[in-house]
Amino acid sequence: MNNLWMEIETLVLDGVPMDSVQGRRIAQLTEIALTRMLEQRGASTSFAASSDEHKKETPNAKPATVRLPANANEARWAEEIAQAIYRTMDRTL
């Protein structure tokens, strides 16, 4: 079993009005949601087989588009962000 460590340096939610407390809550909820997805679905074969020697940086990563209703709460935002990260992990490795 391999450990996964991920650091998201900057997460931009363009056009989403929120304060720093909401931002921290979304970050925590996103971590919980992503952990749950990885535990339930696992990682792709290519992702699981990668090692530190084969790190790939994606300086030209394309933004993910997430469309949510204006009244979406932090939990819904976190779930959508976690899904976007999960889908992107497979494409970038």
PDB file of N, CA and C in Angstrom:
ATOM      1  N   MET A   1       0.850  -1.184   0.000  1.00  0.00           N
ATOM      2  CA  MET A   1       0.000   0.000   0.000  1.00  0.00           C
ATOM      3  C   MET A   1       0.890   1.240   0.000  1.00  0.00           C
ATOM      4  N   ASN A   2       0.589   2.165  -0.871  1.00  0.00           N
ATOM      5  CA  ASN A   2       1.333   3.419  -0.958  1.00  0.00           C
ATOM      6  C   ASN A   2       0.551   4.529  -0.284  1.00  0.00           C
ATOM      7  N   ASN A   3       1.275   5.487   0.218  1.00  0.00           N
ATOM      8  CA  ASN A   3       0.638   6.670   0.788  1.00  0.00           C
ATOM      9  C   ASN A   3       0.577   7.757  -0.269  1.00  0.00           C
ATOM     10  N   LEU A   4      -0.467   8.524  -0.205  1.00  0.00           N
ATOM     11  CA  LEU A   4      -0.636   9.638  -1.126  1.00  0.00           C
ATOM     12  C   LEU A   4      -0.583  10.920  -0.316  1.00  0.00           C
ATOM     13  N   TRP A   5       0.218  11.847  -0.794  1.00  0.00           N
ATOM     14  CA  TRP A   5       0.287  13.159  -0.175  1.00  0.00           C
ATOM     15  C   TRP A   5       0.055  14.171  -1.264  1.00  0.00           C
ATOM     16  N   MET A   6      -0.868  15.076  -1.031  1.00  0.00           N
ATOM     17  CA  MET A   6      -1.201  16.067  -2.035  1.00  0.00           C
ATOM     18  C   MET A   6      -1.247  17.437  -1.376  1.00  0.00           C
ATOM     19  N   GLU A   7      -0.659  18.398  -2.052  1.00  0.00           N
ATOM     20  CA  GLU A   7      -0.728  19.771  -1.577  1.00  0.00           C
ATOM     21  C   GLU A   7      -1.285  20.624  -2.701  1.00  0.00           C
ATOM     22  N   ILE A   8      -2.360  21.294  -2.414  1.00  0.00           N
ATOM     23  CA  ILE A   8      -2.948  22.200  -3.389  1.00  0.00           C
ATOM     24  C   ILE A   8      -2.509  23.596  -2.983  1.00  0.00           C
ATOM     25  N   GLU A   9      -1.595  24.128  -3.757  1.00  0.00           N
ATOM     26  CA  GLU A   9      -1.023  25.428  -3.417  1.00  0.00           C
ATOM     27  C   GLU A   9      -2.061  26.531  -3.542  1.00  0.00           C
ATOM     28  N   THR A  10      -2.809  26.514  -4.623  1.00  0.00           N
ATOM     29  CA  THR A  10      -3.807  27.543  -4.851  1.00  0.00           C
ATOM     30  C   THR A  10      -5.042  26.908  -5.489  1.00  0.00           C
ATOM     31  N   LEU A  11      -6.179  27.230  -4.953  1.00  0.00           N
ATOM     32  CA  LEU A  11      -7.439  26.784  -5.526  1.00  0.00           C
ATOM     33  C   LEU A  11      -8.252  28.033  -5.805  1.00  0.00           C
ATOM     34  N   VAL A  12      -8.563  28.252  -7.061  1.00  0.00           N
ATOM     35  CA  VAL A  12      -9.283  29.453  -7.455  1.00  0.00           C
ATOM     36  C   VAL A  12     -10.718  29.078  -7.794  1.00  0.00           C
ATOM     37  N   LEU A  13     -11.634  29.681  -7.080  1.00  0.00           N
ATOM     38  CA  LEU A  13     -13.055  29.517  -7.361  1.00  0.00           C
ATOM     39  C   LEU A  13     -13.538  30.867  -7.877  1.00  0.00           C
ATOM     40  N   ASP A  14     -13.372  31.048  -9.166  1.00  0.00           N
ATOM     41  CA  ASP A  14     -13.652  32.326  -9.807  1.00  0.00           C
ATOM     42  C   ASP A  14     -15.139  32.655  -9.732  1.00  0.00           C
ATOM     43  N   GLY A  15     -15.435  33.835  -9.232  1.00  0.00           N
ATOM     44  CA  GLY A  15     -16.812  34.301  -9.183  1.00  0.00           C
ATOM     45  C   GLY A  15     -17.615  33.735  -8.029  1.00  0.00           C
ATOM     46  N   VAL A  16     -16.933  33.120  -7.066  1.00  0.00           N
ATOM     47  CA  VAL A  16     -17.631  32.529  -5.925  1.00  0.00           C
ATOM     48  C   VAL A  16     -17.365  33.396  -4.696  1.00  0.00           C
ATOM     49  N   PRO A  17     -18.381  34.098  -4.238  1.00  0.00           N
ATOM     50  CA  PRO A  17     -18.174  34.947  -3.062  1.00  0.00           C
ATOM     51  C   PRO A  17     -18.134  34.106  -1.787  1.00  0.00           C
ATOM     52  N   MET A  18     -16.986  34.105  -1.122  1.00  0.00           N
ATOM     53  CA  MET A  18     -16.888  33.403   0.150  1.00  0.00           C
ATOM     54  C   MET A  18     -15.797  34.039   0.997  1.00  0.00           C
ATOM     55  N   ASP A  19     -15.950  33.882   2.291  1.00  0.00           N
ATOM     56  CA  ASP A  19     -14.947  34.440   3.204  1.00  0.00           C
ATOM     57  C   ASP A  19     -13.917  33.366   3.555  1.00  0.00           C
ATOM     58  N   SER A  20     -12.916  33.735   4.347  1.00  0.00           N
ATOM     59  CA  SER A  20     -11.829  32.808   4.664  1.00  0.00           C
ATOM     60  C   SER A  20     -12.314  31.612   5.480  1.00  0.00           C
ATOM     61  N   VAL A  21     -13.306  31.789   6.323  1.00  0.00           N
ATOM     62  CA  VAL A  21     -13.844  30.674   7.113  1.00  0.00           C
ATOM     63  C   VAL A  21     -14.490  29.649   6.181  1.00  0.00           C
ATOM     64  N   GLN A  22     -15.272  30.116   5.229  1.00  0.00           N
ATOM     65  CA  GLN A  22     -15.883  29.201   4.257  1.00  0.00           C
ATOM     66  C   GLN A  22     -14.807  28.496   3.431  1.00  0.00           C
ATOM     67  N   GLY A  23     -13.773  29.222   3.054  1.00  0.00           N
ATOM     68  CA  GLY A  23     -12.689  28.626   2.285  1.00  0.00           C
ATOM     69  C   GLY A  23     -11.996  27.501   3.035  1.00  0.00           C
ATOM     70  N   ARG A  24     -11.704  27.729   4.322  1.00  0.00           N
ATOM     71  CA  ARG A  24     -11.072  26.672   5.126  1.00  0.00           C
ATOM     72  C   ARG A  24     -11.999  25.475   5.289  1.00  0.00           C
ATOM     73  N   ARG A  25     -13.285  25.743   5.453  1.00  0.00           N
ATOM     74  CA  ARG A  25     -14.251  24.643   5.607  1.00  0.00           C
ATOM     75  C   ARG A  25     -14.326  23.834   4.309  1.00  0.00           C
ATOM     76  N   ILE A  26     -14.329  24.503   3.167  1.00  0.00           N
ATOM     77  CA  ILE A  26     -14.340  23.786   1.886  1.00  0.00           C
ATOM     78  C   ILE A  26     -13.074  22.955   1.743  1.00  0.00           C
ATOM     79  N   ALA A  27     -11.940  23.486   2.154  1.00  0.00           N
ATOM     80  CA  ALA A  27     -10.686  22.729   2.077  1.00  0.00           C
ATOM     81  C   ALA A  27     -10.770  21.460   2.924  1.00  0.00           C
ATOM     82  N   GLN A  28     -11.270  21.561   4.146  1.00  0.00           N
ATOM     83  CA  GLN A  28     -11.393  20.398   5.017  1.00  0.00           C
ATOM     84  C   GLN A  28     -12.379  19.377   4.440  1.00  0.00           C
ATOM     85  N   LEU A  29     -13.513  19.865   3.990  1.00  0.00           N
ATOM     86  CA  LEU A  29     -14.522  18.963   3.438  1.00  0.00           C
ATOM     87  C   LEU A  29     -14.043  18.309   2.140  1.00  0.00           C
ATOM     88  N   THR A  30     -13.256  19.032   1.347  1.00  0.00           N
ATOM     89  CA  THR A  30     -12.706  18.473   0.114  1.00  0.00           C
ATOM     90  C   THR A  30     -11.739  17.346   0.442  1.00  0.00           C
ATOM     91  N   GLU A  31     -10.905  17.538   1.439  1.00  0.00           N
ATOM     92  CA  GLU A  31      -9.972  16.488   1.860  1.00  0.00           C
ATOM     93  C   GLU A  31     -10.734  15.239   2.307  1.00  0.00           C
ATOM     94  N   ILE A  32     -11.780  15.422   3.077  1.00  0.00           N
ATOM     95  CA  ILE A  32     -12.591  14.295   3.543  1.00  0.00           C
ATOM     96  C   ILE A  32     -13.237  13.575   2.361  1.00  0.00           C
ATOM     97  N   ALA A  33     -13.810  14.348   1.431  1.00  0.00           N
ATOM     98  CA  ALA A  33     -14.485  13.753   0.270  1.00  0.00           C
ATOM     99  C   ALA A  33     -13.498  13.009  -0.624  1.00  0.00           C
ATOM    100  N   LEU A  34     -12.318  13.580  -0.860  1.00  0.00           N
ATOM    101  CA  LEU A  34     -11.319  12.938  -1.706  1.00  0.00           C
ATOM    102  C   LEU A  34     -10.794  11.667  -1.046  1.00  0.00           C
ATOM    103  N   THR A  35     -10.573  11.701   0.253  1.00  0.00           N
ATOM    104  CA  THR A  35     -10.137  10.507   0.982  1.00  0.00           C
ATOM    105  C   THR A  35     -11.182   9.401   0.846  1.00  0.00           C
ATOM    106  N   ARG A  36     -12.445   9.764   1.009  1.00  0.00           N
ATOM    107  CA  ARG A  36     -13.524   8.780   0.881  1.00  0.00           C
ATOM    108  C   ARG A  36     -13.552   8.169  -0.524  1.00  0.00           C
ATOM    109  N   MET A  37     -13.406   9.004  -1.554  1.00  0.00           N
ATOM    110  CA  MET A  37     -13.411   8.497  -2.933  1.00  0.00           C
ATOM    111  C   MET A  37     -12.264   7.524  -3.168  1.00  0.00           C
ATOM    112  N   LEU A  38     -11.078   7.875  -2.690  1.00  0.00           N
ATOM    113  CA  LEU A  38      -9.924   6.999  -2.878  1.00  0.00           C
ATOM    114  C   LEU A  38     -10.093   5.682  -2.123  1.00  0.00           C
ATOM    115  N   GLU A  39     -10.691   5.738  -0.937  1.00  0.00           N
ATOM    116  CA  GLU A  39     -10.928   4.517  -0.174  1.00  0.00           C
ATOM    117  C   GLU A  39     -11.979   3.636  -0.848  1.00  0.00           C
ATOM    118  N   GLN A  40     -13.022   4.247  -1.389  1.00  0.00           N
ATOM    119  CA  GLN A  40     -14.107   3.496  -2.016  1.00  0.00           C
ATOM    120  C   GLN A  40     -13.758   3.012  -3.413  1.00  0.00           C
ATOM    121  N   ARG A  41     -13.161   3.877  -4.213  1.00  0.00           N
ATOM    122  CA  ARG A  41     -12.918   3.570  -5.623  1.00  0.00           C
ATOM    123  C   ARG A  41     -11.485   3.159  -5.908  1.00  0.00           C
ATOM    124  N   GLY A  42     -10.582   3.502  -5.014  1.00  0.00           N
ATOM    125  CA  GLY A  42      -9.170   3.227  -5.237  1.00  0.00           C
ATOM    126  C   GLY A  42      -8.593   4.208  -6.242  1.00  0.00           C
ATOM    127  N   ALA A  43      -7.333   3.991  -6.550  1.00  0.00           N
ATOM    128  CA  ALA A  43      -6.647   4.825  -7.528  1.00  0.00           C
ATOM    129  C   ALA A  43      -6.476   4.035  -8.804  1.00  0.00           C
ATOM    130  N   SER A  44      -6.333   4.728  -9.906  1.00  0.00           N
ATOM    131  CA  SER A  44      -6.129   4.044 -11.174  1.00  0.00           C
ATOM    132  C   SER A  44      -4.819   3.272 -11.125  1.00  0.00           C
ATOM    133  N   THR A  45      -4.687   2.295 -11.995  1.00  0.00           N
ATOM    134  CA  THR A  45      -3.476   1.483 -12.047  1.00  0.00           C
ATOM    135  C   THR A  45      -2.257   2.349 -12.313  1.00  0.00           C
ATOM    136  N   SER A  46      -2.359   3.285 -13.245  1.00  0.00           N
ATOM    137  CA  SER A  46      -1.212   4.132 -13.566  1.00  0.00           C
ATOM    138  C   SER A  46      -0.846   5.019 -12.388  1.00  0.00           C
ATOM    139  N   PHE A  47      -1.846   5.471 -11.643  1.00  0.00           N
ATOM    140  CA  PHE A  47      -1.572   6.308 -10.484  1.00  0.00           C
ATOM    141  C   PHE A  47      -0.937   5.485  -9.381  1.00  0.00           C
ATOM    142  N   ALA A  48      -1.485   4.319  -9.113  1.00  0.00           N
ATOM    143  CA  ALA A  48      -0.967   3.468  -8.051  1.00  0.00           C
ATOM    144  C   ALA A  48       0.449   2.990  -8.355  1.00  0.00           C
ATOM    145  N   ALA A  49       0.790   2.832  -9.628  1.00  0.00           N
ATOM    146  CA  ALA A  49       2.105   2.327 -10.015  1.00  0.00           C
ATOM    147  C   ALA A  49       3.170   3.407 -10.049  1.00  0.00           C
ATOM    148  N   SER A  50       2.775   4.662  -9.996  1.00  0.00           N
ATOM    149  CA  SER A  50       3.773   5.730 -10.079  1.00  0.00           C
ATOM    150  C   SER A  50       4.574   5.793  -8.794  1.00  0.00           C
ATOM    151  N   SER A  51       5.780   6.340  -8.899  1.00  0.00           N
ATOM    152  CA  SER A  51       6.635   6.481  -7.722  1.00  0.00           C
ATOM    153  C   SER A  51       7.222   7.875  -7.703  1.00  0.00           C
ATOM    154  N   ASP A  52       7.962   8.182  -6.641  1.00  0.00           N
ATOM    155  CA  ASP A  52       8.590   9.501  -6.534  1.00  0.00           C
ATOM    156  C   ASP A  52       9.534   9.768  -7.686  1.00  0.00           C
ATOM    157  N   GLU A  53      10.136   8.720  -8.236  1.00  0.00           N
ATOM    158  CA  GLU A  53      11.069   8.901  -9.352  1.00  0.00           C
ATOM    159  C   GLU A  53      10.371   9.374 -10.611  1.00  0.00           C
ATOM    160  N   HIS A  54       9.084   9.126 -10.697  1.00  0.00           N
ATOM    161  CA  HIS A  54       8.341   9.440 -11.921  1.00  0.00           C
ATOM    162  C   HIS A  54       7.350  10.572 -11.707  1.00  0.00           C
ATOM    163  N   LYS A  55       7.685  11.474 -10.805  1.00  0.00           N
ATOM    164  CA  LYS A  55       6.775  12.604 -10.559  1.00  0.00           C
ATOM    165  C   LYS A  55       6.584  13.390 -11.841  1.00  0.00           C
ATOM    166  N   LYS A  56       5.373  13.818 -12.032  1.00  0.00           N
ATOM    167  CA  LYS A  56       5.047  14.620 -13.208  1.00  0.00           C
ATOM    168  C   LYS A  56       4.457  15.927 -12.750  1.00  0.00           C
ATOM    169  N   GLU A  57       4.979  17.000 -13.246  1.00  0.00           N
ATOM    170  CA  GLU A  57       4.377  18.288 -12.955  1.00  0.00           C
ATOM    171  C   GLU A  57       3.531  18.685 -14.150  1.00  0.00           C
ATOM    172  N   THR A  58       2.464  19.362 -13.871  1.00  0.00           N
ATOM    173  CA  THR A  58       1.578  19.779 -14.944  1.00  0.00           C
ATOM    174  C   THR A  58       1.456  21.297 -14.930  1.00  0.00           C
ATOM    175  N   PRO A  59       2.496  21.987 -15.401  1.00  0.00           N
ATOM    176  CA  PRO A  59       2.453  23.441 -15.356  1.00  0.00           C
ATOM    177  C   PRO A  59       1.356  24.028 -16.235  1.00  0.00           C
ATOM    178  N   ASN A  60       0.918  23.302 -17.231  1.00  0.00           N
ATOM    179  CA  ASN A  60      -0.123  23.801 -18.126  1.00  0.00           C
ATOM    180  C   ASN A  60      -1.465  23.126 -17.847  1.00  0.00           C
ATOM    181  N   ALA A  61      -1.691  22.760 -16.596  1.00  0.00           N
ATOM    182  CA  ALA A  61      -2.933  22.098 -16.245  1.00  0.00           C
ATOM    183  C   ALA A  61      -4.114  22.982 -16.617  1.00  0.00           C
ATOM    184  N   LYS A  62      -5.120  22.372 -17.158  1.00  0.00           N
ATOM    185  CA  LYS A  62      -6.310  23.114 -17.572  1.00  0.00           C
ATOM    186  C   LYS A  62      -7.301  23.177 -16.410  1.00  0.00           C
ATOM    187  N   PRO A  63      -7.995  24.283 -16.270  1.00  0.00           N
ATOM    188  CA  PRO A  63      -8.944  24.392 -15.164  1.00  0.00           C
ATOM    189  C   PRO A  63     -10.137  23.458 -15.359  1.00  0.00           C
ATOM    190  N   ALA A  64     -10.629  22.940 -14.255  1.00  0.00           N
ATOM    191  CA  ALA A  64     -11.832  22.112 -14.295  1.00  0.00           C
ATOM    192  C   ALA A  64     -13.036  23.036 -14.197  1.00  0.00           C
ATOM    193  N   THR A  65     -14.068  22.721 -14.919  1.00  0.00           N
ATOM    194  CA  THR A  65     -15.287  23.509 -14.861  1.00  0.00           C
ATOM    195  C   THR A  65     -16.291  22.793 -13.969  1.00  0.00           C
ATOM    196  N   VAL A  66     -16.757  23.489 -12.972  1.00  0.00           N
ATOM    197  CA  VAL A  66     -17.743  22.949 -12.045  1.00  0.00           C
ATOM    198  C   VAL A  66     -18.923  23.900 -12.059  1.00  0.00           C
ATOM    199  N   ARG A  67     -20.082  23.383 -12.322  1.00  0.00           N
ATOM    200  CA  ARG A  67     -21.274  24.221 -12.340  1.00  0.00           C
ATOM    201  C   ARG A  67     -22.199  23.776 -11.211  1.00  0.00           C
ATOM    202  N   LEU A  68     -22.439  24.705 -10.310  1.00  0.00           N
ATOM    203  CA  LEU A  68     -23.303  24.429  -9.165  1.00  0.00           C
ATOM    204  C   LEU A  68     -24.348  25.522  -9.045  1.00  0.00           C
ATOM    205  N   PRO A  69     -25.474  25.206  -8.424  1.00  0.00           N
ATOM    206  CA  PRO A  69     -26.467  26.244  -8.209  1.00  0.00           C
ATOM    207  C   PRO A  69     -25.920  27.330  -7.286  1.00  0.00           C
ATOM    208  N   ALA A  70     -26.440  28.522  -7.414  1.00  0.00           N
ATOM    209  CA  ALA A  70     -25.965  29.660  -6.624  1.00  0.00           C
ATOM    210  C   ALA A  70     -26.093  29.415  -5.127  1.00  0.00           C
ATOM    211  N   ASN A  71     -27.034  28.598  -4.718  1.00  0.00           N
ATOM    212  CA  ASN A  71     -27.257  28.360  -3.293  1.00  0.00           C
ATOM    213  C   ASN A  71     -26.547  27.103  -2.776  1.00  0.00           C
ATOM    214  N   ALA A  72     -25.583  26.576  -3.528  1.00  0.00           N
ATOM    215  CA  ALA A  72     -24.869  25.370  -3.099  1.00  0.00           C
ATOM    216  C   ALA A  72     -24.082  25.649  -1.820  1.00  0.00           C
ATOM    217  N   ASN A  73     -24.119  24.700  -0.883  1.00  0.00           N
ATOM    218  CA  ASN A  73     -23.401  24.885   0.373  1.00  0.00           C
ATOM    219  C   ASN A  73     -21.963  24.373   0.256  1.00  0.00           C
ATOM    220  N   GLU A  74     -21.198  24.549   1.340  1.00  0.00           N
ATOM    221  CA  GLU A  74     -19.786  24.164   1.326  1.00  0.00           C
ATOM    222  C   GLU A  74     -19.594  22.679   1.049  1.00  0.00           C
ATOM    223  N   ALA A  75     -20.474  21.838   1.590  1.00  0.00           N
ATOM    224  CA  ALA A  75     -20.352  20.393   1.385  1.00  0.00           C
ATOM    225  C   ALA A  75     -20.509  20.037  -0.091  1.00  0.00           C
ATOM    226  N   ARG A  76     -21.426  20.685  -0.754  1.00  0.00           N
ATOM    227  CA  ARG A  76     -21.637  20.421  -2.186  1.00  0.00           C
ATOM    228  C   ARG A  76     -20.433  20.892  -3.001  1.00  0.00           C
ATOM    229  N   TRP A  77     -19.894  22.077  -2.672  1.00  0.00           N
ATOM    230  CA  TRP A  77     -18.696  22.567  -3.341  1.00  0.00           C
ATOM    231  C   TRP A  77     -17.545  21.583  -3.156  1.00  0.00           C
ATOM    232  N   ALA A  78     -17.353  21.140  -1.924  1.00  0.00           N
ATOM    233  CA  ALA A  78     -16.250  20.226  -1.612  1.00  0.00           C
ATOM    234  C   ALA A  78     -16.383  18.923  -2.389  1.00  0.00           C
ATOM    235  N   GLU A  79     -17.576  18.401  -2.477  1.00  0.00           N
ATOM    236  CA  GLU A  79     -17.802  17.152  -3.213  1.00  0.00           C
ATOM    237  C   GLU A  79     -17.446  17.317  -4.688  1.00  0.00           C
ATOM    238  N   GLU A  80     -17.878  18.413  -5.279  1.00  0.00           N
ATOM    239  CA  GLU A  80     -17.583  18.666  -6.698  1.00  0.00           C
ATOM    240  C   GLU A  80     -16.086  18.879  -6.931  1.00  0.00           C
ATOM    241  N   ILE A  81     -15.429  19.598  -6.029  1.00  0.00           N
ATOM    242  CA  ILE A  81     -13.991  19.826  -6.162  1.00  0.00           C
ATOM    243  C   ILE A  81     -13.242  18.499  -6.039  1.00  0.00           C
ATOM    244  N   ALA A  82     -13.623  17.681  -5.064  1.00  0.00           N
ATOM    245  CA  ALA A  82     -12.982  16.374  -4.878  1.00  0.00           C
ATOM    246  C   ALA A  82     -13.164  15.501  -6.115  1.00  0.00           C
ATOM    247  N   GLN A  83     -14.341  15.512  -6.708  1.00  0.00           N
ATOM    248  CA  GLN A  83     -14.568  14.729  -7.927  1.00  0.00           C
ATOM    249  C   GLN A  83     -13.696  15.231  -9.066  1.00  0.00           C
ATOM    250  N   ALA A  84     -13.560  16.541  -9.197  1.00  0.00           N
ATOM    251  CA  ALA A  84     -12.710  17.101 -10.254  1.00  0.00           C
ATOM    252  C   ALA A  84     -11.251  16.695 -10.043  1.00  0.00           C
ATOM    253  N   ILE A  85     -10.783  16.725  -8.801  1.00  0.00           N
ATOM    254  CA  ILE A  85      -9.409  16.313  -8.504  1.00  0.00           C
ATOM    255  C   ILE A  85      -9.234  14.834  -8.806  1.00  0.00           C
ATOM    256  N   TYR A  86     -10.186  14.020  -8.388  1.00  0.00           N
ATOM    257  CA  TYR A  86     -10.114  12.573  -8.606  1.00  0.00           C
ATOM    258  C   TYR A  86     -10.045  12.254 -10.105  1.00  0.00           C
ATOM    259  N   ARG A  87     -10.890  12.902 -10.898  1.00  0.00           N
ATOM    260  CA  ARG A  87     -10.876  12.674 -12.351  1.00  0.00           C
ATOM    261  C   ARG A  87      -9.566  13.139 -12.967  1.00  0.00           C
ATOM    262  N   THR A  88      -9.036  14.256 -12.488  1.00  0.00           N
ATOM    263  CA  THR A  88      -7.812  14.820 -13.047  1.00  0.00           C
ATOM    264  C   THR A  88      -6.586  13.971 -12.704  1.00  0.00           C
ATOM    265  N   MET A  89      -6.573  13.354 -11.547  1.00  0.00           N
ATOM    266  CA  MET A  89      -5.423  12.531 -11.150  1.00  0.00           C
ATOM    267  C   MET A  89      -5.146  11.454 -12.191  1.00  0.00           C
ATOM    268  N   ASP A  90      -6.162  10.846 -12.707  1.00  0.00           N
ATOM    269  CA  ASP A  90      -5.975   9.767 -13.690  1.00  0.00           C
ATOM    270  C   ASP A  90      -5.452  10.297 -15.025  1.00  0.00           C
ATOM    271  N   ARG A  91      -5.858  11.506 -15.393  1.00  0.00           N
ATOM    272  CA  ARG A  91      -5.435  12.075 -16.675  1.00  0.00           C
ATOM    273  C   ARG A  91      -4.016  12.585 -16.651  1.00  0.00           C
ATOM    274  N   THR A  92      -3.509  12.956 -15.491  1.00  0.00           N
ATOM    275  CA  THR A  92      -2.196  13.587 -15.427  1.00  0.00           C
ATOM    276  C   THR A  92      -1.061  12.615 -15.173  1.00  0.00           C
ATOM    277  N   LEU A  93      -1.352  11.381 -14.891  1.00  0.00           N
ATOM    278  CA  LEU A  93      -0.286  10.416 -14.636  1.00  0.00           C
ATOM    279  C   LEU A  93      -0.120   9.453 -15.788  1.00  0.00           C
TER     280      LEU A  93
END
